[in-house]
Amino acid sequence: MKDTKSQDDKIAGMVFSKIYPLYVAKVEKKFRTKDELNEVISWLTGYDESELQNHIEGSTTFGEFFSNATVNPNSKLITGKICGYKVEDIENPITQQARYLDKLVDELAKGHEMKRILRIS
């Protein structure tokens, strides 16, 4: 994937608390729960419930959100396309991690088992 600086900057500058309600709406529309969404986000980022809640209520950008996260080493097992790009081929780490999150939210909304979403063998 050819990353453009403007695309990477746009993703890094998005405010997590503005995107989070869209994730919630997407998964709840498909009869999944906010708790399941939070579990997926915590798995990817390493944030506990309190830390995640601070980001949900704050003005953290995606750049800050992922720069301060302890990204799960198994996130490299997340593959496939999101927004027309293979997530495993994205070079910018913040953009790739944001797309990992998008992919996990999609999998949750599609009804995949948590075990599969969290890459548990």
C-alpha atoms as a PDB file:
ATOM      1  CA  MET A   1       0.000   0.000   0.000  1.00  0.00           C
ATOM      2  CA  LYS A   2       1.243   3.436  -0.821  1.00  0.00           C
ATOM      3  CA  ASP A   3       0.636   5.555   2.226  1.00  0.00           C
ATOM      4  CA  THR A   4       0.306   9.259   1.760  1.00  0.00           C
ATOM      5  CA  LYS A   5       1.392  11.619   4.457  1.00  0.00           C
ATOM      6  CA  SER A   6      -1.938  13.445   4.329  1.00  0.00           C
ATOM      7  CA  GLN A   7      -3.883  10.196   4.802  1.00  0.00           C
ATOM      8  CA  ASP A   8      -1.660   9.171   7.722  1.00  0.00           C
ATOM      9  CA  ASP A   9      -1.966  12.632   9.274  1.00  0.00           C
ATOM     10  CA  LYS A  10      -5.747  12.579   8.877  1.00  0.00           C
ATOM     11  CA  ILE A  11      -6.051   9.199  10.625  1.00  0.00           C
ATOM     12  CA  ALA A  12      -3.608  10.184  13.386  1.00  0.00           C
ATOM     13  CA  GLY A  13      -5.558  13.402  13.967  1.00  0.00           C
ATOM     14  CA  MET A  14      -8.989  11.794  14.315  1.00  0.00           C
ATOM     15  CA  VAL A  15     -10.369  12.051  17.838  1.00  0.00           C
ATOM     16  CA  PHE A  16     -11.061   8.633  19.330  1.00  0.00           C
ATOM     17  CA  SER A  17     -14.095   9.800  21.321  1.00  0.00           C
ATOM     18  CA  LYS A  18     -15.748  10.974  18.095  1.00  0.00           C
ATOM     19  CA  ILE A  19     -15.195   7.621  16.332  1.00  0.00           C
ATOM     20  CA  TYR A  20     -16.040   5.367  19.288  1.00  0.00           C
ATOM     21  CA  PRO A  21     -19.842   6.008  19.115  1.00  0.00           C
ATOM     22  CA  LEU A  22     -19.728   4.980  15.443  1.00  0.00           C
ATOM     23  CA  TYR A  23     -18.092   1.688  16.447  1.00  0.00           C
ATOM     24  CA  VAL A  24     -20.736   1.179  19.132  1.00  0.00           C
ATOM     25  CA  ALA A  25     -23.563   1.849  16.675  1.00  0.00           C
ATOM     26  CA  LYS A  26     -22.052  -0.533  14.126  1.00  0.00           C
ATOM     27  CA  VAL A  27     -21.730  -3.468  16.516  1.00  0.00           C
ATOM     28  CA  GLU A  28     -25.040  -2.884  18.308  1.00  0.00           C
ATOM     29  CA  LYS A  29     -26.840  -2.760  14.958  1.00  0.00           C
ATOM     30  CA  LYS A  30     -25.619  -6.332  14.505  1.00  0.00           C
ATOM     31  CA  PHE A  31     -26.683  -7.371  18.022  1.00  0.00           C
ATOM     32  CA  ARG A  32     -23.231  -7.255  19.598  1.00  0.00           C
ATOM     33  CA  THR A  33     -22.542  -5.311  22.791  1.00  0.00           C
ATOM     34  CA  LYS A  34     -20.498  -2.342  23.878  1.00  0.00           C
ATOM     35  CA  ASP A  35     -18.778  -4.656  26.395  1.00  0.00           C
ATOM     36  CA  GLU A  36     -17.677  -6.928  23.552  1.00  0.00           C
ATOM     37  CA  LEU A  37     -16.406  -3.902  21.637  1.00  0.00           C
ATOM     38  CA  ASN A  38     -14.456  -2.724  24.675  1.00  0.00           C
ATOM     39  CA  GLU A  39     -12.984  -6.203  25.093  1.00  0.00           C
ATOM     40  CA  VAL A  40     -11.758  -6.119  21.501  1.00  0.00           C
ATOM     41  CA  ILE A  41     -10.289  -2.623  21.899  1.00  0.00           C
ATOM     42  CA  SER A  42      -8.598  -3.607  25.169  1.00  0.00           C
ATOM     43  CA  TRP A  43      -7.163  -6.745  23.570  1.00  0.00           C
ATOM     44  CA  LEU A  44      -5.633  -4.692  20.756  1.00  0.00           C
ATOM     45  CA  THR A  45      -4.359  -1.779  22.851  1.00  0.00           C
ATOM     46  CA  GLY A  46      -3.672  -3.203  26.288  1.00  0.00           C
ATOM     47  CA  TYR A  47      -5.798  -0.493  27.899  1.00  0.00           C
ATOM     48  CA  ASP A  48      -7.739  -1.533  30.981  1.00  0.00           C
ATOM     49  CA  GLU A  49     -11.357  -0.493  31.487  1.00  0.00           C
ATOM     50  CA  SER A  50     -10.456   2.739  33.293  1.00  0.00           C
ATOM     51  CA  GLU A  51      -7.871   3.818  30.730  1.00  0.00           C
ATOM     52  CA  LEU A  52     -10.231   3.043  27.871  1.00  0.00           C
ATOM     53  CA  GLN A  53     -13.016   5.027  29.528  1.00  0.00           C
ATOM     54  CA  ASN A  54     -10.677   8.031  29.827  1.00  0.00           C
ATOM     55  CA  HIS A  55     -10.061   7.890  26.072  1.00  0.00           C
ATOM     56  CA  ILE A  56     -13.787   7.490  25.352  1.00  0.00           C
ATOM     57  CA  GLU A  57     -14.560  10.594  27.415  1.00  0.00           C
ATOM     58  CA  GLY A  58     -11.487  12.613  26.444  1.00  0.00           C
ATOM     59  CA  SER A  59     -10.075  14.236  23.348  1.00  0.00           C
ATOM     60  CA  THR A  60      -7.311  11.756  22.571  1.00  0.00           C
ATOM     61  CA  THR A  61      -6.363  11.529  18.909  1.00  0.00           C
ATOM     62  CA  PHE A  62      -5.766   8.192  17.238  1.00  0.00           C
ATOM     63  CA  GLY A  63      -2.088   9.130  17.087  1.00  0.00           C
ATOM     64  CA  GLU A  64      -1.965   9.568  20.858  1.00  0.00           C
ATOM     65  CA  PHE A  65      -4.278   6.615  21.463  1.00  0.00           C
ATOM     66  CA  PHE A  66      -2.029   4.152  19.648  1.00  0.00           C
ATOM     67  CA  SER A  67       1.299   5.770  20.573  1.00  0.00           C
ATOM     68  CA  ASN A  68       0.488   5.235  24.264  1.00  0.00           C
ATOM     69  CA  ALA A  69      -0.954   1.748  23.777  1.00  0.00           C
ATOM     70  CA  THR A  70       0.784  -1.554  24.327  1.00  0.00           C
ATOM     71  CA  VAL A  71      -0.351  -3.100  21.075  1.00  0.00           C
ATOM     72  CA  ASN A  72      -0.984  -6.827  21.341  1.00  0.00           C
ATOM     73  CA  PRO A  73       1.836  -8.766  19.645  1.00  0.00           C
ATOM     74  CA  ASN A  74      -0.793 -11.042  18.079  1.00  0.00           C
ATOM     75  CA  SER A  75      -2.170  -8.058  16.174  1.00  0.00           C
ATOM     76  CA  LYS A  76       0.186  -9.143  13.386  1.00  0.00           C
ATOM     77  CA  LEU A  77      -2.232 -12.054  12.887  1.00  0.00           C
ATOM     78  CA  ILE A  78      -4.901  -9.587  11.727  1.00  0.00           C
ATOM     79  CA  THR A  79      -5.038  -9.826   7.962  1.00  0.00           C
ATOM     80  CA  GLY A  80      -7.413  -8.936   5.209  1.00  0.00           C
ATOM     81  CA  LYS A  81      -8.698  -5.849   3.509  1.00  0.00           C
ATOM     82  CA  ILE A  82     -10.173  -2.739   5.037  1.00  0.00           C
ATOM     83  CA  CYS A  83     -10.986   0.322   2.965  1.00  0.00           C
ATOM     84  CA  GLY A  84      -9.522  -1.485  -0.042  1.00  0.00           C
ATOM     85  CA  TYR A  85      -6.080  -2.020   1.508  1.00  0.00           C
ATOM     86  CA  LYS A  86      -4.511  -5.114   3.021  1.00  0.00           C
ATOM     87  CA  VAL A  87      -3.927  -4.237   6.672  1.00  0.00           C
ATOM     88  CA  GLU A  88      -0.750  -6.288   6.776  1.00  0.00           C
ATOM     89  CA  ASP A  89       0.782  -4.141   3.988  1.00  0.00           C
ATOM     90  CA  ILE A  90       0.185  -0.738   5.600  1.00  0.00           C
ATOM     91  CA  GLU A  91       3.541   0.812   6.435  1.00  0.00           C
ATOM     92  CA  ASN A  92       2.653   3.636   8.843  1.00  0.00           C
ATOM     93  CA  PRO A  93       2.238   2.100  12.334  1.00  0.00           C
ATOM     94  CA  ILE A  94      -0.561   4.432  13.510  1.00  0.00           C
ATOM     95  CA  THR A  95      -2.513   3.967  10.279  1.00  0.00           C
ATOM     96  CA  GLN A  96      -1.997   0.208  10.447  1.00  0.00           C
ATOM     97  CA  GLN A  97      -3.152   0.012  14.064  1.00  0.00           C
ATOM     98  CA  ALA A  98      -6.216   2.137  13.311  1.00  0.00           C
ATOM     99  CA  ARG A  99      -7.039  -0.202  10.431  1.00  0.00           C
ATOM    100  CA  TYR A 100      -6.473  -3.217  12.700  1.00  0.00           C
ATOM    101  CA  LEU A 101      -9.116  -1.745  14.983  1.00  0.00           C
ATOM    102  CA  ASP A 102     -11.454  -1.177  12.029  1.00  0.00           C
ATOM    103  CA  LYS A 103     -10.948  -4.790  10.965  1.00  0.00           C
ATOM    104  CA  LEU A 104     -11.678  -6.118  14.461  1.00  0.00           C
ATOM    105  CA  VAL A 105     -14.830  -4.003  14.709  1.00  0.00           C
ATOM    106  CA  ASP A 106     -15.947  -5.361  11.324  1.00  0.00           C
ATOM    107  CA  GLU A 107     -15.338  -8.933  12.484  1.00  0.00           C
ATOM    108  CA  LEU A 108     -17.321  -8.291  15.660  1.00  0.00           C
ATOM    109  CA  ALA A 109     -20.191  -6.782  13.683  1.00  0.00           C
ATOM    110  CA  LYS A 110     -20.160  -9.748  11.305  1.00  0.00           C
ATOM    111  CA  GLY A 111     -20.818 -12.063  14.221  1.00  0.00           C
ATOM    112  CA  HIS A 112     -17.463 -13.803  14.437  1.00  0.00           C
ATOM    113  CA  GLU A 113     -16.708 -15.622  17.681  1.00  0.00           C
ATOM    114  CA  MET A 114     -14.657 -13.663  20.218  1.00  0.00           C
ATOM    115  CA  LYS A 115     -12.095 -16.463  20.259  1.00  0.00           C
ATOM    116  CA  ARG A 116     -11.513 -15.928  16.544  1.00  0.00           C
ATOM    117  CA  ILE A 117     -11.508 -12.124  16.768  1.00  0.00           C
ATOM    118  CA  LEU A 118      -8.952 -12.187  19.598  1.00  0.00           C
ATOM    119  CA  ARG A 119      -6.777 -14.635  17.660  1.00  0.00           C
ATOM    120  CA  ILE A 120      -6.959 -17.288  20.379  1.00  0.00           C
ATOM    121  CA  SER A 121      -5.929 -20.740  19.167  1.00  0.00           C
END
